[in-house]
């Protein structure tokens, strides 16, 4: 490794996964480690914020040591630290932010607050084949569903977003209705593989009106009512829900691409790992002559690699979070970010 390489340490602690990554200006992603709290929260059927925060406290430092060991680097080799400052759970964000700011102060290196969703949006840049700006981004996770016009790093215009439940949240809640385990999204997708698509026809919410906003709470309610009438057809209901949700996302992506006249679509966030969604968007891409990009499966869910990358791209352009005050932003719009 070059002695003058800029090495960024990324810390992700916005919800129920502790992620650490190291990104270098000459080697790209050097190492990353992730600890998921899924097993702990499964007992409660969802994320318990206080437990999440306490677990992050136990995990961040050991994971930093693990990535340094994996990469053969020392703390003194780090040039800057990027940390998730929002959006997310306040207590969880405070853990990563306080450790990042304290460590940066002790090493006399810059620290930078990173937007969690910008991390997801830029995650496909970790792959060998990368999208070029401008593009439309579909960000789909447990907490967010939005379409973004991306002209460059920090040049974001939100074209549409969910008015109620995010699509990942709707997947999880529908899985809970069907009595599936936590996390519900992957469990529902697995069950849907056994379902018959012709048994039920679920609505495609908000496609009969103009615009790019989403609504998934009604789809979840439709699933609940269908299950009450047909409790022995869980797999068929799961399939109908998944088809309706993914087709709705595809239709809105198509509209956004037609509206912007872009020929590139980026899909990121936890739900981007869903194979049915990838299949329907790839089919749309072929019809429209649009290139569709995704993060690798390991970078779909929350992770430290994407935060290290997003922070690296800004830190190397001179952006830093000035002062030692620890500031988090549990609510933070992508449109508030500065361009680089």
C-alpha atoms as a PDB file:
ATOM      1  CA  UNK A   1       0.000   0.000   0.000  1.00  0.00           C
ATOM      2  CA  UNK A   2       1.221   3.482  -0.821  1.00  0.00           C
ATOM      3  CA  UNK A   3       2.463   5.392   2.211  1.00  0.00           C
ATOM      4  CA  UNK A   4       0.501   8.463   1.126  1.00  0.00           C
ATOM      5  CA  UNK A   5      -2.797   6.588   0.643  1.00  0.00           C
ATOM      6  CA  UNK A   6      -5.781   8.188   2.377  1.00  0.00           C
ATOM      7  CA  UNK A   7      -7.439   5.529   4.547  1.00  0.00           C
ATOM      8  CA  UNK A   8     -10.956   6.074   5.865  1.00  0.00           C
ATOM      9  CA  UNK A   9     -12.453   4.164   8.782  1.00  0.00           C
ATOM     10  CA  UNK A  10     -16.245   3.862   8.502  1.00  0.00           C
ATOM     11  CA  UNK A  11     -18.558   3.254  11.476  1.00  0.00           C
ATOM     12  CA  UNK A  12     -22.222   2.277  11.010  1.00  0.00           C
ATOM     13  CA  UNK A  13     -24.545   2.010  14.022  1.00  0.00           C
ATOM     14  CA  UNK A  14     -27.880   3.469  12.919  1.00  0.00           C
ATOM     15  CA  UNK A  15     -30.151   0.554  13.838  1.00  0.00           C
ATOM     16  CA  UNK A  16     -29.553  -3.131  14.566  1.00  0.00           C
ATOM     17  CA  UNK A  17     -26.268  -3.832  12.772  1.00  0.00           C
ATOM     18  CA  UNK A  18     -22.803  -2.719  13.821  1.00  0.00           C
ATOM     19  CA  UNK A  19     -20.611  -2.283  10.756  1.00  0.00           C
ATOM     20  CA  UNK A  20     -16.983  -1.239  10.385  1.00  0.00           C
ATOM     21  CA  UNK A  21     -15.129  -0.697   7.108  1.00  0.00           C
ATOM     22  CA  UNK A  22     -11.734   0.498   5.870  1.00  0.00           C
ATOM     23  CA  UNK A  23     -11.497   2.211   2.490  1.00  0.00           C
ATOM     24  CA  UNK A  24      -8.231   3.264   0.846  1.00  0.00           C
ATOM     25  CA  UNK A  25      -7.590   5.745  -1.950  1.00  0.00           C
ATOM     26  CA  UNK A  26      -5.299   3.283  -3.717  1.00  0.00           C
ATOM     27  CA  UNK A  27      -6.874  -0.101  -2.921  1.00  0.00           C
ATOM     28  CA  UNK A  28     -10.554   0.611  -2.478  1.00  0.00           C
ATOM     29  CA  UNK A  29     -12.277  -1.444   0.206  1.00  0.00           C
ATOM     30  CA  UNK A  30      -9.567  -3.073   2.317  1.00  0.00           C
ATOM     31  CA  UNK A  31     -11.609  -4.819   5.016  1.00  0.00           C
ATOM     32  CA  UNK A  32     -15.014  -4.779   6.661  1.00  0.00           C
ATOM     33  CA  UNK A  33     -16.743  -6.494   9.569  1.00  0.00           C
ATOM     34  CA  UNK A  34     -20.421  -6.705  10.496  1.00  0.00           C
ATOM     35  CA  UNK A  35     -22.317  -7.856  13.568  1.00  0.00           C
ATOM     36  CA  UNK A  36     -26.076  -8.303  13.260  1.00  0.00           C
ATOM     37  CA  UNK A  37     -28.373  -8.082  16.271  1.00  0.00           C
ATOM     38  CA  UNK A  38     -31.168  -9.997  14.522  1.00  0.00           C
ATOM     39  CA  UNK A  39     -31.047 -12.941  16.895  1.00  0.00           C
ATOM     40  CA  UNK A  40     -31.374 -10.676  19.932  1.00  0.00           C
ATOM     41  CA  UNK A  41     -34.337  -8.691  18.560  1.00  0.00           C
ATOM     42  CA  UNK A  42     -36.124 -11.752  17.137  1.00  0.00           C
ATOM     43  CA  UNK A  43     -37.408 -12.561  20.619  1.00  0.00           C
ATOM     44  CA  UNK A  44     -39.345  -9.278  20.579  1.00  0.00           C
ATOM     45  CA  UNK A  45     -40.496  -9.385  16.951  1.00  0.00           C
ATOM     46  CA  UNK A  46     -38.705  -6.144  16.100  1.00  0.00           C
ATOM     47  CA  UNK A  47     -35.868  -3.812  17.038  1.00  0.00           C
ATOM     48  CA  UNK A  48     -35.783  -2.676  20.676  1.00  0.00           C
ATOM     49  CA  UNK A  49     -33.889   0.675  20.556  1.00  0.00           C
ATOM     50  CA  UNK A  50     -32.393   0.511  24.057  1.00  0.00           C
ATOM     51  CA  UNK A  51     -31.053  -3.005  23.509  1.00  0.00           C
ATOM     52  CA  UNK A  52     -29.685  -1.979  20.113  1.00  0.00           C
ATOM     53  CA  UNK A  53     -27.765   0.943  21.627  1.00  0.00           C
ATOM     54  CA  UNK A  54     -26.284  -1.166  24.415  1.00  0.00           C
ATOM     55  CA  UNK A  55     -25.154  -3.834  21.989  1.00  0.00           C
ATOM     56  CA  UNK A  56     -23.440  -1.285  19.720  1.00  0.00           C
ATOM     57  CA  UNK A  57     -21.410  -0.144  22.746  1.00  0.00           C
ATOM     58  CA  UNK A  58     -20.064  -3.675  23.124  1.00  0.00           C
ATOM     59  CA  UNK A  59     -19.371  -4.250  19.426  1.00  0.00           C
ATOM     60  CA  UNK A  60     -17.799  -1.129  17.889  1.00  0.00           C
ATOM     61  CA  UNK A  61     -14.323  -1.250  19.451  1.00  0.00           C
ATOM     62  CA  UNK A  62     -13.802  -5.031  18.979  1.00  0.00           C
ATOM     63  CA  UNK A  63     -14.915  -4.722  15.338  1.00  0.00           C
ATOM     64  CA  UNK A  64     -12.511  -1.830  14.716  1.00  0.00           C
ATOM     65  CA  UNK A  65      -9.706  -3.995  16.135  1.00  0.00           C
ATOM     66  CA  UNK A  66     -10.853  -6.865  13.897  1.00  0.00           C
ATOM     67  CA  UNK A  67     -10.726  -4.849  10.650  1.00  0.00           C
ATOM     68  CA  UNK A  68      -7.327  -3.430  11.573  1.00  0.00           C
ATOM     69  CA  UNK A  69      -6.050  -6.939  12.252  1.00  0.00           C
ATOM     70  CA  UNK A  70      -7.562  -8.230   9.004  1.00  0.00           C
ATOM     71  CA  UNK A  71      -5.940  -5.431   6.999  1.00  0.00           C
ATOM     72  CA  UNK A  72      -2.584  -5.444   8.782  1.00  0.00           C
ATOM     73  CA  UNK A  73      -2.968  -1.739   9.601  1.00  0.00           C
ATOM     74  CA  UNK A  74      -2.612   0.240  12.829  1.00  0.00           C
ATOM     75  CA  UNK A  75      -4.774   3.025  14.207  1.00  0.00           C
ATOM     76  CA  UNK A  76      -2.000   5.452  13.254  1.00  0.00           C
ATOM     77  CA  UNK A  77      -2.461   4.491   9.575  1.00  0.00           C
ATOM     78  CA  UNK A  78      -6.027   5.871   9.496  1.00  0.00           C
ATOM     79  CA  UNK A  79      -6.356   9.242   7.765  1.00  0.00           C
ATOM     80  CA  UNK A  80      -9.984  10.054   8.599  1.00  0.00           C
ATOM     81  CA  UNK A  81     -13.103   8.632  10.229  1.00  0.00           C
ATOM     82  CA  UNK A  82     -16.615   8.563   8.772  1.00  0.00           C
ATOM     83  CA  UNK A  83     -19.599   7.748  10.947  1.00  0.00           C
ATOM     84  CA  UNK A  84     -23.345   7.474  10.456  1.00  0.00           C
ATOM     85  CA  UNK A  85     -24.968  10.516  12.064  1.00  0.00           C
ATOM     86  CA  UNK A  86     -28.486   9.846  10.758  1.00  0.00           C
ATOM     87  CA  UNK A  87     -31.152   8.988   9.968  1.00  0.00           C
ATOM     88  CA  UNK A  88     -31.650   6.237  12.517  1.00  0.00           C
ATOM     89  CA  UNK A  89     -32.270   5.451  16.166  1.00  0.00           C
ATOM     90  CA  UNK A  90     -30.961   8.284  18.364  1.00  0.00           C
ATOM     91  CA  UNK A  91     -29.274   6.086  20.965  1.00  0.00           C
ATOM     92  CA  UNK A  92     -27.659   3.847  18.369  1.00  0.00           C
ATOM     93  CA  UNK A  93     -26.388   6.847  16.388  1.00  0.00           C
ATOM     94  CA  UNK A  94     -24.892   8.357  19.537  1.00  0.00           C
ATOM     95  CA  UNK A  95     -22.750   5.272  20.105  1.00  0.00           C
ATOM     96  CA  UNK A  96     -21.038   5.339  16.717  1.00  0.00           C
ATOM     97  CA  UNK A  97     -20.819   9.132  16.635  1.00  0.00           C
ATOM     98  CA  UNK A  98     -19.246   9.484  20.083  1.00  0.00           C
ATOM     99  CA  UNK A  99     -16.664   6.761  19.425  1.00  0.00           C
ATOM    100  CA  UNK A 100     -15.812   8.229  16.012  1.00  0.00           C
ATOM    101  CA  UNK A 101     -15.398  11.786  17.271  1.00  0.00           C
ATOM    102  CA  UNK A 102     -13.380  10.673  20.312  1.00  0.00           C
ATOM    103  CA  UNK A 103     -11.100   8.479  18.236  1.00  0.00           C
ATOM    104  CA  UNK A 104     -10.569  11.184  15.618  1.00  0.00           C
ATOM    105  CA  UNK A 105      -9.699  13.696  18.357  1.00  0.00           C
ATOM    106  CA  UNK A 106      -7.198  11.328  19.961  1.00  0.00           C
ATOM    107  CA  UNK A 107      -5.540  10.607  16.590  1.00  0.00           C
ATOM    108  CA  UNK A 108      -5.702  14.270  15.482  1.00  0.00           C
ATOM    109  CA  UNK A 109      -7.420  13.330  12.211  1.00  0.00           C
ATOM    110  CA  UNK A 110     -10.651  14.615  10.618  1.00  0.00           C
ATOM    111  CA  UNK A 111     -14.068  13.071  11.256  1.00  0.00           C
ATOM    112  CA  UNK A 112     -17.149  13.376   9.079  1.00  0.00           C
ATOM    113  CA  UNK A 113     -20.844  12.801   9.717  1.00  0.00           C
ATOM    114  CA  UNK A 114     -22.301  10.593   6.958  1.00  0.00           C
ATOM    115  CA  UNK A 115     -25.926  10.312   5.845  1.00  0.00           C
ATOM    116  CA  UNK A 116     -27.021   6.688   6.180  1.00  0.00           C
ATOM    117  CA  UNK A 117     -29.052   6.723   2.956  1.00  0.00           C
ATOM    118  CA  UNK A 118     -26.197   8.295   0.993  1.00  0.00           C
ATOM    119  CA  UNK A 119     -24.172   5.291   2.115  1.00  0.00           C
ATOM    120  CA  UNK A 120     -26.783   2.973   0.616  1.00  0.00           C
ATOM    121  CA  UNK A 121     -27.094   5.095  -2.521  1.00  0.00           C
ATOM    122  CA  UNK A 122     -23.347   4.928  -3.184  1.00  0.00           C
ATOM    123  CA  UNK A 123     -22.920   1.259  -2.170  1.00  0.00           C
ATOM    124  CA  UNK A 124     -22.950   0.028  -5.823  1.00  0.00           C
ATOM    125  CA  UNK A 125     -19.702   1.987  -6.256  1.00  0.00           C
ATOM    126  CA  UNK A 126     -18.059  -0.738  -4.153  1.00  0.00           C
ATOM    127  CA  UNK A 127     -18.579  -3.156  -7.054  1.00  0.00           C
ATOM    128  CA  UNK A 128     -16.224  -3.752  -9.979  1.00  0.00           C
ATOM    129  CA  UNK A 129     -18.789  -2.488 -12.506  1.00  0.00           C
ATOM    130  CA  UNK A 130     -20.043   0.881 -11.328  1.00  0.00           C
ATOM    131  CA  UNK A 131     -22.841   3.221 -12.422  1.00  0.00           C
ATOM    132  CA  UNK A 132     -22.017   6.636 -13.841  1.00  0.00           C
ATOM    133  CA  UNK A 133     -23.805   9.851 -12.932  1.00  0.00           C
ATOM    134  CA  UNK A 134     -26.522  10.934 -13.467  1.00  0.00           C
ATOM    135  CA  UNK A 135     -28.947   8.175 -12.513  1.00  0.00           C
ATOM    136  CA  UNK A 136     -32.228   7.436 -10.799  1.00  0.00           C
ATOM    137  CA  UNK A 137     -31.831   5.734  -7.419  1.00  0.00           C
ATOM    138  CA  UNK A 138     -34.468   3.540  -5.808  1.00  0.00           C
ATOM    139  CA  UNK A 139     -33.704   3.316  -2.082  1.00  0.00           C
ATOM    140  CA  UNK A 140     -35.693   0.559  -0.419  1.00  0.00           C
ATOM    141  CA  UNK A 141     -35.253  -0.523   3.184  1.00  0.00           C
ATOM    142  CA  UNK A 142     -37.125  -1.093   6.420  1.00  0.00           C
ATOM    143  CA  UNK A 143     -37.279   2.630   7.073  1.00  0.00           C
ATOM    144  CA  UNK A 144     -37.213   4.232   3.637  1.00  0.00           C
ATOM    145  CA  UNK A 145     -38.728   3.964   0.180  1.00  0.00           C
ATOM    146  CA  UNK A 146     -37.736   6.763  -2.165  1.00  0.00           C
ATOM    147  CA  UNK A 147     -36.824   7.614  -5.720  1.00  0.00           C
ATOM    148  CA  UNK A 148     -33.966  10.081  -6.100  1.00  0.00           C
ATOM    149  CA  UNK A 149     -32.624  12.067  -9.048  1.00  0.00           C
ATOM    150  CA  UNK A 150     -28.847  11.722  -8.565  1.00  0.00           C
ATOM    151  CA  UNK A 151     -26.779  14.179 -10.623  1.00  0.00           C
ATOM    152  CA  UNK A 152     -23.613  13.680  -8.581  1.00  0.00           C
ATOM    153  CA  UNK A 153     -22.412  13.077  -5.033  1.00  0.00           C
ATOM    154  CA  UNK A 154     -24.517  15.339  -2.841  1.00  0.00           C
ATOM    155  CA  UNK A 155     -26.674  16.503  -5.766  1.00  0.00           C
ATOM    156  CA  UNK A 156     -29.924  14.804  -4.840  1.00  0.00           C
ATOM    157  CA  UNK A 157     -33.541  15.619  -5.595  1.00  0.00           C
ATOM    158  CA  UNK A 158     -36.199  13.388  -4.049  1.00  0.00           C
ATOM    159  CA  UNK A 159     -38.696  12.520  -6.773  1.00  0.00           C
ATOM    160  CA  UNK A 160     -41.030  10.445  -4.618  1.00  0.00           C
ATOM    161  CA  UNK A 161     -41.175   8.700  -1.253  1.00  0.00           C
ATOM    162  CA  UNK A 162     -43.478   6.618   0.894  1.00  0.00           C
ATOM    163  CA  UNK A 163     -46.373   8.456   2.521  1.00  0.00           C
ATOM    164  CA  UNK A 164     -46.688   5.784   5.223  1.00  0.00           C
ATOM    165  CA  UNK A 165     -44.957   2.406   5.649  1.00  0.00           C
ATOM    166  CA  UNK A 166     -41.668   1.879   3.860  1.00  0.00           C
ATOM    167  CA  UNK A 167     -41.720  -1.200   1.618  1.00  0.00           C
ATOM    168  CA  UNK A 168     -39.342  -3.107   3.912  1.00  0.00           C
ATOM    169  CA  UNK A 169     -41.565  -2.273   6.871  1.00  0.00           C
ATOM    170  CA  UNK A 170     -44.601  -3.541   4.928  1.00  0.00           C
ATOM    171  CA  UNK A 171     -42.741  -6.790   4.177  1.00  0.00           C
ATOM    172  CA  UNK A 172     -41.910  -7.219   7.873  1.00  0.00           C
ATOM    173  CA  UNK A 173     -45.443  -6.413   9.069  1.00  0.00           C
ATOM    174  CA  UNK A 174     -47.042  -8.736   6.512  1.00  0.00           C
ATOM    175  CA  UNK A 175     -44.654 -11.497   7.574  1.00  0.00           C
ATOM    176  CA  UNK A 176     -45.745 -10.928  11.166  1.00  0.00           C
ATOM    177  CA  UNK A 177     -49.399 -11.203  10.120  1.00  0.00           C
ATOM    178  CA  UNK A 178     -48.587 -14.556   8.521  1.00  0.00           C
ATOM    179  CA  UNK A 179     -46.825 -15.727  11.673  1.00  0.00           C
ATOM    180  CA  UNK A 180     -43.353 -15.793  10.142  1.00  0.00           C
ATOM    181  CA  UNK A 181     -40.113 -15.159  11.983  1.00  0.00           C
ATOM    182  CA  UNK A 182     -38.078 -11.986  12.337  1.00  0.00           C
ATOM    183  CA  UNK A 183     -36.701 -10.425  10.217  1.00  0.00           C
ATOM    184  CA  UNK A 184     -39.853 -10.821   8.229  1.00  0.00           C
ATOM    185  CA  UNK A 185     -38.785  -9.661   4.759  1.00  0.00           C
ATOM    186  CA  UNK A 186     -36.447 -12.571   3.938  1.00  0.00           C
ATOM    187  CA  UNK A 187     -38.861 -15.037   5.572  1.00  0.00           C
ATOM    188  CA  UNK A 188     -41.767 -13.781   3.456  1.00  0.00           C
ATOM    189  CA  UNK A 189     -39.673 -13.897   0.276  1.00  0.00           C
ATOM    190  CA  UNK A 190     -38.658 -17.491   1.021  1.00  0.00           C
ATOM    191  CA  UNK A 191     -42.285 -18.504   1.616  1.00  0.00           C
ATOM    192  CA  UNK A 192     -43.406 -16.688  -1.547  1.00  0.00           C
ATOM    193  CA  UNK A 193     -41.235 -19.028  -3.618  1.00  0.00           C
ATOM    194  CA  UNK A 194     -43.713 -21.803  -2.744  1.00  0.00           C
ATOM    195  CA  UNK A 195     -46.797 -19.699  -3.555  1.00  0.00           C
ATOM    196  CA  UNK A 196     -49.110 -19.704  -6.570  1.00  0.00           C
ATOM    197  CA  UNK A 197     -49.225 -16.253  -8.177  1.00  0.00           C
ATOM    198  CA  UNK A 198     -52.652 -16.895  -9.707  1.00  0.00           C
ATOM    199  CA  UNK A 199     -54.499 -17.477  -6.422  1.00  0.00           C
ATOM    200  CA  UNK A 200     -54.834 -13.852  -5.289  1.00  0.00           C
ATOM    201  CA  UNK A 201     -54.659 -10.456  -6.954  1.00  0.00           C
ATOM    202  CA  UNK A 202     -53.426  -7.730  -4.600  1.00  0.00           C
ATOM    203  CA  UNK A 203     -53.728  -3.996  -5.435  1.00  0.00           C
ATOM    204  CA  UNK A 204     -50.800  -1.989  -6.806  1.00  0.00           C
ATOM    205  CA  UNK A 205     -51.070   1.092  -4.582  1.00  0.00           C
ATOM    206  CA  UNK A 206     -51.032   4.590  -6.090  1.00  0.00           C
ATOM    207  CA  UNK A 207     -50.262   3.516  -9.658  1.00  0.00           C
ATOM    208  CA  UNK A 208     -53.612   4.850 -10.892  1.00  0.00           C
ATOM    209  CA  UNK A 209     -52.605   8.453 -10.205  1.00  0.00           C
ATOM    210  CA  UNK A 210     -49.692  10.587 -11.426  1.00  0.00           C
ATOM    211  CA  UNK A 211     -46.597  11.115  -9.344  1.00  0.00           C
ATOM    212  CA  UNK A 212     -43.834   9.036  -7.816  1.00  0.00           C
ATOM    213  CA  UNK A 213     -44.888   8.724  -4.174  1.00  0.00           C
ATOM    214  CA  UNK A 214     -45.564   5.349  -2.556  1.00  0.00           C
ATOM    215  CA  UNK A 215     -48.024   3.914  -0.051  1.00  0.00           C
ATOM    216  CA  UNK A 216     -47.753   0.383   1.304  1.00  0.00           C
ATOM    217  CA  UNK A 217     -49.908   0.401   4.445  1.00  0.00           C
ATOM    218  CA  UNK A 218     -53.054  -0.475   2.456  1.00  0.00           C
ATOM    219  CA  UNK A 219     -51.288  -3.406   0.826  1.00  0.00           C
ATOM    220  CA  UNK A 220     -50.389  -4.739   4.274  1.00  0.00           C
ATOM    221  CA  UNK A 221     -54.042  -4.348   5.362  1.00  0.00           C
ATOM    222  CA  UNK A 222     -55.199  -6.187   2.229  1.00  0.00           C
ATOM    223  CA  UNK A 223     -52.859  -9.042   3.158  1.00  0.00           C
ATOM    224  CA  UNK A 224     -54.288  -9.145   6.700  1.00  0.00           C
ATOM    225  CA  UNK A 225     -57.870  -9.297   5.425  1.00  0.00           C
ATOM    226  CA  UNK A 226     -57.006 -11.987   2.879  1.00  0.00           C
ATOM    227  CA  UNK A 227     -55.247 -14.067   5.515  1.00  0.00           C
ATOM    228  CA  UNK A 228     -58.290 -13.812   7.798  1.00  0.00           C
ATOM    229  CA  UNK A 229     -60.401 -15.393   5.040  1.00  0.00           C
ATOM    230  CA  UNK A 230     -57.788 -17.886   3.800  1.00  0.00           C
ATOM    231  CA  UNK A 231     -55.558 -18.814   6.777  1.00  0.00           C
ATOM    232  CA  UNK A 232     -54.398 -22.016   5.084  1.00  0.00           C
ATOM    233  CA  UNK A 233     -52.893 -20.229   2.059  1.00  0.00           C
ATOM    234  CA  UNK A 234     -49.927 -18.436   3.588  1.00  0.00           C
ATOM    235  CA  UNK A 235     -47.556 -19.093   0.691  1.00  0.00           C
ATOM    236  CA  UNK A 236     -50.058 -17.828  -1.901  1.00  0.00           C
ATOM    237  CA  UNK A 237     -50.670 -14.675   0.150  1.00  0.00           C
ATOM    238  CA  UNK A 238     -46.939 -14.103   0.529  1.00  0.00           C
ATOM    239  CA  UNK A 239     -46.517 -14.482  -3.218  1.00  0.00           C
ATOM    240  CA  UNK A 240     -49.385 -12.106  -4.014  1.00  0.00           C
ATOM    241  CA  UNK A 241     -47.988  -9.510  -1.627  1.00  0.00           C
ATOM    242  CA  UNK A 242     -44.465  -9.757  -3.027  1.00  0.00           C
ATOM    243  CA  UNK A 243     -45.666  -9.522  -6.633  1.00  0.00           C
ATOM    244  CA  UNK A 244     -47.822  -6.475  -5.878  1.00  0.00           C
ATOM    245  CA  UNK A 245     -45.050  -4.702  -3.959  1.00  0.00           C
ATOM    246  CA  UNK A 246     -42.309  -5.361  -6.530  1.00  0.00           C
ATOM    247  CA  UNK A 247     -44.532  -4.477  -9.487  1.00  0.00           C
ATOM    248  CA  UNK A 248     -45.474  -1.214  -7.789  1.00  0.00           C
ATOM    249  CA  UNK A 249     -41.796  -0.374  -7.306  1.00  0.00           C
ATOM    250  CA  UNK A 250     -41.061  -1.259 -10.935  1.00  0.00           C
ATOM    251  CA  UNK A 251     -43.876   0.924 -12.287  1.00  0.00           C
ATOM    252  CA  UNK A 252     -42.681   3.926 -10.283  1.00  0.00           C
ATOM    253  CA  UNK A 253     -39.060   3.327 -11.383  1.00  0.00           C
ATOM    254  CA  UNK A 254     -40.188   3.282 -15.004  1.00  0.00           C
ATOM    255  CA  UNK A 255     -42.016   6.581 -14.517  1.00  0.00           C
ATOM    256  CA  UNK A 256     -38.960   8.158 -12.885  1.00  0.00           C
ATOM    257  CA  UNK A 257     -36.697   7.040 -15.733  1.00  0.00           C
ATOM    258  CA  UNK A 258     -39.134   8.390 -18.319  1.00  0.00           C
ATOM    259  CA  UNK A 259     -39.425  11.662 -16.395  1.00  0.00           C
ATOM    260  CA  UNK A 260     -35.649  12.203 -16.078  1.00  0.00           C
ATOM    261  CA  UNK A 261     -34.703  10.623 -19.437  1.00  0.00           C
ATOM    262  CA  UNK A 262     -31.864   8.802 -17.651  1.00  0.00           C
ATOM    263  CA  UNK A 263     -30.617   5.427 -18.835  1.00  0.00           C
ATOM    264  CA  UNK A 264     -29.247   4.198 -15.489  1.00  0.00           C
ATOM    265  CA  UNK A 265     -31.081   2.930 -12.403  1.00  0.00           C
ATOM    266  CA  UNK A 266     -29.405   2.203  -9.059  1.00  0.00           C
ATOM    267  CA  UNK A 267     -31.277   0.047  -6.535  1.00  0.00           C
ATOM    268  CA  UNK A 268     -29.976  -0.087  -2.961  1.00  0.00           C
ATOM    269  CA  UNK A 269     -31.027  -0.739   0.628  1.00  0.00           C
ATOM    270  CA  UNK A 270     -32.023  -3.956   2.380  1.00  0.00           C
ATOM    271  CA  UNK A 271     -34.929  -4.764   0.046  1.00  0.00           C
ATOM    272  CA  UNK A 272     -32.594  -4.560  -2.968  1.00  0.00           C
ATOM    273  CA  UNK A 273     -31.478  -8.062  -1.975  1.00  0.00           C
ATOM    274  CA  UNK A 274     -34.950  -9.398  -2.884  1.00  0.00           C
ATOM    275  CA  UNK A 275     -34.533 -11.619  -5.951  1.00  0.00           C
ATOM    276  CA  UNK A 276     -38.061 -11.051  -7.279  1.00  0.00           C
ATOM    277  CA  UNK A 277     -37.457  -7.298  -7.238  1.00  0.00           C
ATOM    278  CA  UNK A 278     -34.156  -7.705  -9.069  1.00  0.00           C
ATOM    279  CA  UNK A 279     -35.766  -9.928 -11.663  1.00  0.00           C
ATOM    280  CA  UNK A 280     -38.618  -7.560 -12.471  1.00  0.00           C
ATOM    281  CA  UNK A 281     -36.326  -4.514 -12.597  1.00  0.00           C
ATOM    282  CA  UNK A 282     -33.825  -6.317 -14.826  1.00  0.00           C
ATOM    283  CA  UNK A 283     -36.675  -7.199 -17.196  1.00  0.00           C
ATOM    284  CA  UNK A 284     -37.798  -3.569 -17.224  1.00  0.00           C
ATOM    285  CA  UNK A 285     -34.218  -2.454 -17.853  1.00  0.00           C
ATOM    286  CA  UNK A 286     -33.929  -4.662 -20.932  1.00  0.00           C
ATOM    287  CA  UNK A 287     -37.200  -3.328 -22.357  1.00  0.00           C
ATOM    288  CA  UNK A 288     -36.218   0.311 -21.784  1.00  0.00           C
ATOM    289  CA  UNK A 289     -32.526  -0.114 -22.642  1.00  0.00           C
ATOM    290  CA  UNK A 290     -31.670   0.952 -19.108  1.00  0.00           C
ATOM    291  CA  UNK A 291     -28.705  -0.336 -17.080  1.00  0.00           C
ATOM    292  CA  UNK A 292     -29.657  -1.465 -13.575  1.00  0.00           C
ATOM    293  CA  UNK A 293     -27.056  -1.592 -10.795  1.00  0.00           C
ATOM    294  CA  UNK A 294     -27.231  -3.149  -7.317  1.00  0.00           C
ATOM    295  CA  UNK A 295     -24.812  -3.500  -4.422  1.00  0.00           C
ATOM    296  CA  UNK A 296     -23.428  -6.973  -3.759  1.00  0.00           C
ATOM    297  CA  UNK A 297     -25.666  -9.010  -1.464  1.00  0.00           C
ATOM    298  CA  UNK A 298     -23.396  -8.351   1.542  1.00  0.00           C
ATOM    299  CA  UNK A 299     -23.724  -4.597   1.047  1.00  0.00           C
ATOM    300  CA  UNK A 300     -27.518  -4.422   0.669  1.00  0.00           C
ATOM    301  CA  UNK A 301     -28.201  -4.326   4.398  1.00  0.00           C
ATOM    302  CA  UNK A 302     -26.561  -1.785   6.720  1.00  0.00           C
ATOM    303  CA  UNK A 303     -22.777  -2.088   6.693  1.00  0.00           C
ATOM    304  CA  UNK A 304     -19.598  -0.209   7.505  1.00  0.00           C
ATOM    305  CA  UNK A 305     -18.119  -0.512   4.009  1.00  0.00           C
ATOM    306  CA  UNK A 306     -20.701   1.834   2.476  1.00  0.00           C
ATOM    307  CA  UNK A 307     -20.123   4.414   5.239  1.00  0.00           C
ATOM    308  CA  UNK A 308     -16.351   4.208   4.749  1.00  0.00           C
ATOM    309  CA  UNK A 309     -16.828   4.757   1.005  1.00  0.00           C
ATOM    310  CA  UNK A 310     -19.317   7.634   1.327  1.00  0.00           C
ATOM    311  CA  UNK A 311     -17.133   9.300   3.937  1.00  0.00           C
ATOM    312  CA  UNK A 312     -13.978   8.740   1.901  1.00  0.00           C
ATOM    313  CA  UNK A 313     -15.434  10.460  -1.154  1.00  0.00           C
ATOM    314  CA  UNK A 314     -16.205  13.533   0.964  1.00  0.00           C
ATOM    315  CA  UNK A 315     -13.177  13.555   3.285  1.00  0.00           C
ATOM    316  CA  UNK A 316     -10.787  13.437   0.323  1.00  0.00           C
ATOM    317  CA  UNK A 317     -12.550  16.527  -1.058  1.00  0.00           C
ATOM    318  CA  UNK A 318     -11.880  18.390   2.166  1.00  0.00           C
ATOM    319  CA  UNK A 319     -15.240  18.030   3.900  1.00  0.00           C
ATOM    320  CA  UNK A 320     -15.028  17.528   7.677  1.00  0.00           C
ATOM    321  CA  UNK A 321     -17.295  17.853  10.720  1.00  0.00           C
ATOM    322  CA  UNK A 322     -15.710  20.746  12.597  1.00  0.00           C
ATOM    323  CA  UNK A 323     -15.354  20.718  16.404  1.00  0.00           C
ATOM    324  CA  UNK A 324     -15.690  18.010  19.009  1.00  0.00           C
ATOM    325  CA  UNK A 325     -19.415  18.394  19.627  1.00  0.00           C
ATOM    326  CA  UNK A 326     -21.316  15.153  19.024  1.00  0.00           C
ATOM    327  CA  UNK A 327     -24.275  15.923  16.761  1.00  0.00           C
ATOM    328  CA  UNK A 328     -26.685  13.325  15.424  1.00  0.00           C
ATOM    329  CA  UNK A 329     -29.611  13.747  13.037  1.00  0.00           C
ATOM    330  CA  UNK A 330     -32.248  11.008  13.559  1.00  0.00           C
ATOM    331  CA  UNK A 331     -34.250  12.797  10.837  1.00  0.00           C
ATOM    332  CA  UNK A 332     -32.148  14.085   7.962  1.00  0.00           C
ATOM    333  CA  UNK A 333     -33.149  14.722   4.347  1.00  0.00           C
ATOM    334  CA  UNK A 334     -30.817  13.718   1.533  1.00  0.00           C
ATOM    335  CA  UNK A 335     -31.540  17.054  -0.103  1.00  0.00           C
ATOM    336  CA  UNK A 336     -29.732  18.857   2.767  1.00  0.00           C
ATOM    337  CA  UNK A 337     -26.352  17.400   1.806  1.00  0.00           C
ATOM    338  CA  UNK A 338     -23.602  19.419   0.178  1.00  0.00           C
ATOM    339  CA  UNK A 339     -22.355  18.553  -3.291  1.00  0.00           C
ATOM    340  CA  UNK A 340     -18.731  17.524  -3.768  1.00  0.00           C
END
